PDB file of N, CA and C in Angstrom:
ATOM      1  N   MET A   1      12.460   8.953 -46.048  1.00  0.00           N
ATOM      2  CA  MET A   1      11.862   9.860 -47.009  1.00  0.00           C
ATOM      3  C   MET A   1      11.464  11.140 -46.289  1.00  0.00           C
ATOM      4  N   VAL A   2      11.772  12.287 -46.887  1.00  0.00           N
ATOM      5  CA  VAL A   2      11.487  13.579 -46.287  1.00  0.00           C
ATOM      6  C   VAL A   2      10.225  14.145 -46.916  1.00  0.00           C
ATOM      7  N   SER A   3       9.334  14.620 -46.067  1.00  0.00           N
ATOM      8  CA  SER A   3       8.092  15.208 -46.553  1.00  0.00           C
ATOM      9  C   SER A   3       8.348  16.582 -47.135  1.00  0.00           C
ATOM     10  N   LYS A   4       7.650  16.908 -48.196  1.00  0.00           N
ATOM     11  CA  LYS A   4       7.772  18.224 -48.834  1.00  0.00           C
ATOM     12  C   LYS A   4       6.700  19.176 -48.329  1.00  0.00           C
ATOM     13  N   GLN A   5       5.978  18.787 -47.261  1.00  0.00           N
ATOM     14  CA  GLN A   5       4.955  19.656 -46.708  1.00  0.00           C
ATOM     15  C   GLN A   5       5.208  19.875 -45.226  1.00  0.00           C
ATOM     16  N   ARG A   6       4.868  21.069 -44.764  1.00  0.00           N
ATOM     17  CA  ARG A   6       4.952  21.395 -43.345  1.00  0.00           C
ATOM     18  C   ARG A   6       3.689  20.934 -42.671  1.00  0.00           C
ATOM     19  N   LEU A   7       3.697  20.994 -41.348  1.00  0.00           N
ATOM     20  CA  LEU A   7       2.486  20.705 -40.606  1.00  0.00           C
ATOM     21  C   LEU A   7       1.399  21.666 -41.059  1.00  0.00           C
ATOM     22  N   GLY A   8       0.204  21.217 -41.166  1.00  0.00           N
ATOM     23  CA  GLY A   8      -0.900  22.060 -41.609  1.00  0.00           C
ATOM     24  C   GLY A   8      -1.060  22.067 -43.115  1.00  0.00           C
ATOM     25  N   GLY A   9      -0.290  21.240 -43.835  1.00  0.00           N
ATOM     26  CA  GLY A   9      -0.454  21.119 -45.263  1.00  0.00           C
ATOM     27  C   GLY A   9       0.254  22.164 -46.101  1.00  0.00           C
ATOM     28  N   GLU A  10       0.959  23.116 -45.472  1.00  0.00           N
ATOM     29  CA  GLU A  10       1.664  24.155 -46.223  1.00  0.00           C
ATOM     30  C   GLU A  10       2.925  23.569 -46.838  1.00  0.00           C
ATOM     31  N   PRO A  11       3.154  23.773 -48.139  1.00  0.00           N
ATOM     32  CA  PRO A  11       4.369  23.232 -48.756  1.00  0.00           C
ATOM     33  C   PRO A  11       5.615  23.895 -48.185  1.00  0.00           C
ATOM     34  N   ALA A  12       6.667  23.120 -48.000  1.00  0.00           N
ATOM     35  CA  ALA A  12       7.931  23.651 -47.492  1.00  0.00           C
ATOM     36  C   ALA A  12       8.602  24.477 -48.574  1.00  0.00           C
ATOM     37  N   LYS A  13       9.308  25.534 -48.172  1.00  0.00           N
ATOM     38  CA  LYS A  13      10.024  26.381 -49.119  1.00  0.00           C
ATOM     39  C   LYS A  13      11.391  25.780 -49.402  1.00  0.00           C
ATOM     40  N   THR A  14      11.838  25.937 -50.624  1.00  0.00           N
ATOM     41  CA  THR A  14      13.198  25.531 -50.956  1.00  0.00           C
ATOM     42  C   THR A  14      14.115  26.716 -50.698  1.00  0.00           C
ATOM     43  N   ALA A  15      15.405  26.471 -50.718  1.00  0.00           N
ATOM     44  CA  ALA A  15      16.367  27.539 -50.452  1.00  0.00           C
ATOM     45  C   ALA A  15      16.204  28.683 -51.447  1.00  0.00           C
ATOM     46  N   SER A  16      15.868  28.380 -52.692  1.00  0.00           N
ATOM     47  CA  SER A  16      15.731  29.445 -53.691  1.00  0.00           C
ATOM     48  C   SER A  16      14.464  30.259 -53.491  1.00  0.00           C
ATOM     49  N   GLU A  17      13.502  29.751 -52.738  1.00  0.00           N
ATOM     50  CA  GLU A  17      12.251  30.461 -52.519  1.00  0.00           C
ATOM     51  C   GLU A  17      12.256  31.330 -51.273  1.00  0.00           C
ATOM     52  N   THR A  18      13.227  31.147 -50.408  1.00  0.00           N
ATOM     53  CA  THR A  18      13.262  31.923 -49.177  1.00  0.00           C
ATOM     54  C   THR A  18      13.812  33.298 -49.451  1.00  0.00           C
ATOM     55  N   GLU A  19      13.308  34.288 -48.735  1.00  0.00           N
ATOM     56  CA  GLU A  19      13.781  35.654 -48.887  1.00  0.00           C
ATOM     57  C   GLU A  19      15.069  35.818 -48.098  1.00  0.00           C
ATOM     58  N   THR A  20      15.983  36.562 -48.667  1.00  0.00           N
ATOM     59  CA  THR A  20      17.220  36.845 -47.953  1.00  0.00           C
ATOM     60  C   THR A  20      17.306  38.336 -47.717  1.00  0.00           C
ATOM     61  N   GLU A  21      17.702  38.701 -46.510  1.00  0.00           N
ATOM     62  CA  GLU A  21      17.877  40.095 -46.132  1.00  0.00           C
ATOM     63  C   GLU A  21      19.236  40.243 -45.488  1.00  0.00           C
ATOM     64  N   PRO A  22      19.858  41.381 -45.681  1.00  0.00           N
ATOM     65  CA  PRO A  22      21.101  41.618 -44.942  1.00  0.00           C
ATOM     66  C   PRO A  22      20.814  41.620 -43.447  1.00  0.00           C
ATOM     67  N   SER A  23      21.724  41.074 -42.639  1.00  0.00           N
ATOM     68  CA  SER A  23      21.487  40.974 -41.206  1.00  0.00           C
ATOM     69  C   SER A  23      21.310  42.340 -40.553  1.00  0.00           C
ATOM     70  N   ALA A  24      21.921  43.367 -41.103  1.00  0.00           N
ATOM     71  CA  ALA A  24      21.802  44.703 -40.514  1.00  0.00           C
ATOM     72  C   ALA A  24      20.374  45.232 -40.602  1.00  0.00           C
ATOM     73  N   SER A  25      19.639  44.848 -41.642  1.00  0.00           N
ATOM     74  CA  SER A  25      18.283  45.358 -41.790  1.00  0.00           C
ATOM     75  C   SER A  25      17.312  44.675 -40.835  1.00  0.00           C
ATOM     76  N   LYS A  26      17.676  43.538 -40.291  1.00  0.00           N
ATOM     77  CA  LYS A  26      16.797  42.830 -39.361  1.00  0.00           C
ATOM     78  C   LYS A  26      16.683  43.553 -38.031  1.00  0.00           C
ATOM     79  N   ASP A  27      17.736  44.238 -37.615  1.00  0.00           N
ATOM     80  CA  ASP A  27      17.723  44.932 -36.344  1.00  0.00           C
ATOM     81  C   ASP A  27      17.987  46.416 -36.598  1.00  0.00           C
ATOM     82  N   ALA A  28      16.929  47.131 -36.962  1.00  0.00           N
ATOM     83  CA  ALA A  28      17.084  48.538 -37.314  1.00  0.00           C
ATOM     84  C   ALA A  28      17.434  49.398 -36.109  1.00  0.00           C
ATOM     85  N   SER A  29      17.201  48.904 -34.883  1.00  0.00           N
ATOM     86  CA  SER A  29      17.492  49.695 -33.694  1.00  0.00           C
ATOM     87  C   SER A  29      18.980  49.733 -33.369  1.00  0.00           C
ATOM     88  N   MET A  30      19.763  48.862 -33.984  1.00  0.00           N
ATOM     89  CA  MET A  30      21.193  48.819 -33.714  1.00  0.00           C
ATOM     90  C   MET A  30      21.923  49.743 -34.685  1.00  0.00           C
ATOM     91  N   PRO A  31      22.525  50.821 -34.184  1.00  0.00           N
ATOM     92  CA  PRO A  31      23.198  51.758 -35.078  1.00  0.00           C
ATOM     93  C   PRO A  31      24.466  51.151 -35.664  1.00  0.00           C
ATOM     94  N   ALA A  32      24.796  51.577 -36.876  1.00  0.00           N
ATOM     95  CA  ALA A  32      26.044  51.139 -37.497  1.00  0.00           C
ATOM     96  C   ALA A  32      27.209  51.766 -36.737  1.00  0.00           C
ATOM     97  N   THR A  33      28.230  50.973 -36.471  1.00  0.00           N
ATOM     98  CA  THR A  33      29.397  51.479 -35.746  1.00  0.00           C
ATOM     99  C   THR A  33      30.662  51.130 -36.516  1.00  0.00           C
ATOM    100  N   ASP A  34      31.694  51.877 -36.246  1.00  0.00           N
ATOM    101  CA  ASP A  34      32.994  51.569 -36.836  1.00  0.00           C
ATOM    102  C   ASP A  34      33.550  50.341 -36.142  1.00  0.00           C
ATOM    103  N   ASP A  35      34.329  49.577 -36.871  1.00  0.00           N
ATOM    104  CA  ASP A  35      35.001  48.421 -36.290  1.00  0.00           C
ATOM    105  C   ASP A  35      36.433  48.824 -35.979  1.00  0.00           C
ATOM    106  N   PRO A  36      36.713  49.157 -34.721  1.00  0.00           N
ATOM    107  CA  PRO A  36      38.056  49.644 -34.389  1.00  0.00           C
ATOM    108  C   PRO A  36      39.148  48.595 -34.590  1.00  0.00           C
ATOM    109  N   LEU A  37      38.794  47.321 -34.576  1.00  0.00           N
ATOM    110  CA  LEU A  37      39.803  46.287 -34.756  1.00  0.00           C
ATOM    111  C   LEU A  37      40.058  46.024 -36.237  1.00  0.00           C
ATOM    112  N   GLY A  38      39.050  46.192 -37.059  1.00  0.00           N
ATOM    113  CA  GLY A  38      39.195  46.144 -38.502  1.00  0.00           C
ATOM    114  C   GLY A  38      39.602  44.814 -39.107  1.00  0.00           C
ATOM    115  N   TYR A  39      39.251  43.702 -38.517  1.00  0.00           N
ATOM    116  CA  TYR A  39      39.577  42.410 -39.108  1.00  0.00           C
ATOM    117  C   TYR A  39      38.672  42.138 -40.296  1.00  0.00           C
ATOM    118  N   ASP A  40      39.242  41.651 -41.381  1.00  0.00           N
ATOM    119  CA  ASP A  40      38.469  41.258 -42.553  1.00  0.00           C
ATOM    120  C   ASP A  40      38.052  39.808 -42.361  1.00  0.00           C
ATOM    121  N   THR A  41      36.810  39.609 -41.923  1.00  0.00           N
ATOM    122  CA  THR A  41      36.346  38.264 -41.578  1.00  0.00           C
ATOM    123  C   THR A  41      36.052  37.414 -42.807  1.00  0.00           C
ATOM    124  N   ARG A  42      36.183  37.989 -43.998  1.00  0.00           N
ATOM    125  CA  ARG A  42      36.041  37.179 -45.219  1.00  0.00           C
ATOM    126  C   ARG A  42      37.281  36.316 -45.434  1.00  0.00           C
ATOM    127  N   ASP A  43      38.402  36.706 -44.822  1.00  0.00           N
ATOM    128  CA  ASP A  43      39.657  35.974 -44.940  1.00  0.00           C
ATOM    129  C   ASP A  43      39.852  35.148 -43.667  1.00  0.00           C
ATOM    130  N   PRO A  44      39.858  33.823 -43.777  1.00  0.00           N
ATOM    131  CA  PRO A  44      39.968  32.981 -42.572  1.00  0.00           C
ATOM    132  C   PRO A  44      41.209  33.241 -41.724  1.00  0.00           C
ATOM    133  N   SER A  45      42.234  33.847 -42.280  1.00  0.00           N
ATOM    134  CA  SER A  45      43.444  34.091 -41.489  1.00  0.00           C
ATOM    135  C   SER A  45      43.235  35.150 -40.414  1.00  0.00           C
ATOM    136  N   TRP A  46      42.080  35.839 -40.430  1.00  0.00           N
ATOM    137  CA  TRP A  46      41.819  36.863 -39.414  1.00  0.00           C
ATOM    138  C   TRP A  46      41.777  36.239 -38.017  1.00  0.00           C
ATOM    139  N   VAL A  47      41.409  34.985 -37.936  1.00  0.00           N
ATOM    140  CA  VAL A  47      41.301  34.325 -36.626  1.00  0.00           C
ATOM    141  C   VAL A  47      42.666  34.253 -35.954  1.00  0.00           C
ATOM    142  N   ARG A  48      43.675  33.856 -36.712  1.00  0.00           N
ATOM    143  CA  ARG A  48      45.036  33.779 -36.153  1.00  0.00           C
ATOM    144  C   ARG A  48      45.523  35.161 -35.729  1.00  0.00           C
ATOM    145  N   LYS A  49      45.278  36.171 -36.564  1.00  0.00           N
ATOM    146  CA  LYS A  49      45.703  37.541 -36.245  1.00  0.00           C
ATOM    147  C   LYS A  49      45.000  38.039 -34.987  1.00  0.00           C
ATOM    148  N   ALA A  50      43.698  37.769 -34.874  1.00  0.00           N
ATOM    149  CA  ALA A  50      42.945  38.199 -33.694  1.00  0.00           C
ATOM    150  C   ALA A  50      43.474  37.511 -32.438  1.00  0.00           C
ATOM    151  N   ALA A  51      43.780  36.215 -32.545  1.00  0.00           N
ATOM    152  CA  ALA A  51      44.311  35.481 -31.387  1.00  0.00           C
ATOM    153  C   ALA A  51      45.685  36.018 -30.986  1.00  0.00           C
ATOM    154  N   GLU A  52      46.540  36.261 -31.968  1.00  0.00           N
ATOM    155  CA  GLU A  52      47.874  36.806 -31.666  1.00  0.00           C
ATOM    156  C   GLU A  52      47.759  38.177 -31.015  1.00  0.00           C
ATOM    157  N   ASP A  53      46.865  39.011 -31.538  1.00  0.00           N
ATOM    158  CA  ASP A  53      46.674  40.344 -30.964  1.00  0.00           C
ATOM    159  C   ASP A  53      46.141  40.259 -29.534  1.00  0.00           C
ATOM    160  N   ALA A  54      45.231  39.341 -29.303  1.00  0.00           N
ATOM    161  CA  ALA A  54      44.653  39.195 -27.967  1.00  0.00           C
ATOM    162  C   ALA A  54      45.710  38.728 -26.965  1.00  0.00           C
ATOM    163  N   LEU A  55      46.515  37.761 -27.361  1.00  0.00           N
ATOM    164  CA  LEU A  55      47.546  37.240 -26.457  1.00  0.00           C
ATOM    165  C   LEU A  55      48.639  38.264 -26.179  1.00  0.00           C
ATOM    166  N   SER A  56      48.933  39.114 -27.153  1.00  0.00           N
ATOM    167  CA  SER A  56      49.997  40.103 -26.973  1.00  0.00           C
ATOM    168  C   SER A  56      49.511  41.368 -26.270  1.00  0.00           C
ATOM    169  N   GLY A  57      48.192  41.515 -26.161  1.00  0.00           N
ATOM    170  CA  GLY A  57      47.647  42.710 -25.525  1.00  0.00           C
ATOM    171  C   GLY A  57      47.456  43.870 -26.494  1.00  0.00           C
ATOM    172  N   ALA A  58      47.718  43.625 -27.770  1.00  0.00           N
ATOM    173  CA  ALA A  58      47.509  44.667 -28.779  1.00  0.00           C
ATOM    174  C   ALA A  58      46.030  45.013 -28.847  1.00  0.00           C
ATOM    175  N   ASP A  59      45.736  46.255 -29.100  1.00  0.00           N
ATOM    176  CA  ASP A  59      44.348  46.719 -29.237  1.00  0.00           C
ATOM    177  C   ASP A  59      43.515  46.513 -27.974  1.00  0.00           C
ATOM    178  N   LYS A  60      44.168  46.482 -26.820  1.00  0.00           N
ATOM    179  CA  LYS A  60      43.448  46.240 -25.566  1.00  0.00           C
ATOM    180  C   LYS A  60      42.343  47.280 -25.348  1.00  0.00           C
ATOM    181  N   ASP A  61      42.634  48.539 -25.605  1.00  0.00           N
ATOM    182  CA  ASP A  61      41.627  49.587 -25.406  1.00  0.00           C
ATOM    183  C   ASP A  61      40.436  49.414 -26.350  1.00  0.00           C
ATOM    184  N   ALA A  62      40.715  49.081 -27.611  1.00  0.00           N
ATOM    185  CA  ALA A  62      39.634  48.887 -28.586  1.00  0.00           C
ATOM    186  C   ALA A  62      38.773  47.686 -28.204  1.00  0.00           C
ATOM    187  N   ILE A  63      39.410  46.622 -27.715  1.00  0.00           N
ATOM    188  CA  ILE A  63      38.664  45.431 -27.306  1.00  0.00           C
ATOM    189  C   ILE A  63      37.767  45.759 -26.111  1.00  0.00           C
ATOM    190  N   GLU A  64      38.307  46.466 -25.132  1.00  0.00           N
ATOM    191  CA  GLU A  64      37.495  46.843 -23.973  1.00  0.00           C
ATOM    192  C   GLU A  64      36.325  47.732 -24.379  1.00  0.00           C
ATOM    193  N   LYS A  65      36.556  48.611 -25.352  1.00  0.00           N
ATOM    194  CA  LYS A  65      35.492  49.484 -25.844  1.00  0.00           C
ATOM    195  C   LYS A  65      34.387  48.663 -26.518  1.00  0.00           C
ATOM    196  N   GLU A  66      34.765  47.683 -27.341  1.00  0.00           N
ATOM    197  CA  GLU A  66      33.776  46.829 -28.000  1.00  0.00           C
ATOM    198  C   GLU A  66      32.990  46.000 -26.997  1.00  0.00           C
ATOM    199  N   VAL A  67      33.679  45.439 -26.008  1.00  0.00           N
ATOM    200  CA  VAL A  67      32.999  44.637 -24.985  1.00  0.00           C
ATOM    201  C   VAL A  67      32.020  45.510 -24.205  1.00  0.00           C
ATOM    202  N   ASP A  68      32.450  46.703 -23.824  1.00  0.00           N
ATOM    203  CA  ASP A  68      31.576  47.618 -23.096  1.00  0.00           C
ATOM    204  C   ASP A  68      30.341  47.966 -23.929  1.00  0.00           C
ATOM    205  N   ALA A  69      30.544  48.260 -25.223  1.00  0.00           N
ATOM    206  CA  ALA A  69      29.418  48.598 -26.101  1.00  0.00           C
ATOM    207  C   ALA A  69      28.450  47.414 -26.221  1.00  0.00           C
ATOM    208  N   ALA A  70      28.981  46.200 -26.332  1.00  0.00           N
ATOM    209  CA  ALA A  70      28.122  45.015 -26.433  1.00  0.00           C
ATOM    210  C   ALA A  70      27.320  44.817 -25.150  1.00  0.00           C
ATOM    211  N   LEU A  71      27.961  44.959 -24.005  1.00  0.00           N
ATOM    212  CA  LEU A  71      27.252  44.789 -22.729  1.00  0.00           C
ATOM    213  C   LEU A  71      26.159  45.842 -22.558  1.00  0.00           C
ATOM    214  N   ARG A  72      26.414  47.054 -23.016  1.00  0.00           N
ATOM    215  CA  ARG A  72      25.379  48.101 -22.967  1.00  0.00           C
ATOM    216  C   ARG A  72      24.230  47.770 -23.923  1.00  0.00           C
ATOM    217  N   ARG A  73      24.566  47.308 -25.137  1.00  0.00           N
ATOM    218  CA  ARG A  73      23.548  46.961 -26.119  1.00  0.00           C
ATOM    219  C   ARG A  73      22.666  45.829 -25.610  1.00  0.00           C
ATOM    220  N   TRP A  74      23.264  44.879 -24.915  1.00  0.00           N
ATOM    221  CA  TRP A  74      22.506  43.744 -24.367  1.00  0.00           C
ATOM    222  C   TRP A  74      21.894  44.057 -23.009  1.00  0.00           C
ATOM    223  N   ARG A  75      22.052  45.321 -22.582  1.00  0.00           N
ATOM    224  CA  ARG A  75      21.502  45.832 -21.320  1.00  0.00           C
ATOM    225  C   ARG A  75      22.045  45.114 -20.075  1.00  0.00           C
ATOM    226  N   PHE A  76      23.335  44.710 -20.158  1.00  0.00           N
ATOM    227  CA  PHE A  76      24.001  44.178 -18.985  1.00  0.00           C
ATOM    228  C   PHE A  76      24.716  45.286 -18.222  1.00  0.00           C
ATOM    229  N   ARG A  77      24.834  46.473 -18.875  1.00  0.00           N
ATOM    230  CA  ARG A  77      25.418  47.662 -18.258  1.00  0.00           C
ATOM    231  C   ARG A  77      24.568  48.856 -18.613  1.00  0.00           C
ATOM    232  N   ASP A  78      24.621  49.865 -17.736  1.00  0.00           N
ATOM    233  CA  ASP A  78      23.892  51.115 -18.025  1.00  0.00           C
ATOM    234  C   ASP A  78      24.754  52.093 -18.738  1.00  0.00           C
TER     235      ASP A  78
END
């Protein structure tokens, strides 16, 4: 049996009671950027296309640019 209360007596929220926010609004310090690779991640077939592109070396410059930007954002590079 699952309890409907949290520790401290506070009732647990149901999925319909939780607030939802777009992920972009959670991190306002991260500027919006263009996606140079442009994969539509709503379509599961993007995974195969991304893998084929990676193995063939297509978009190598765009991939290196994205990796560099991520490492800078995570402060692994200056």
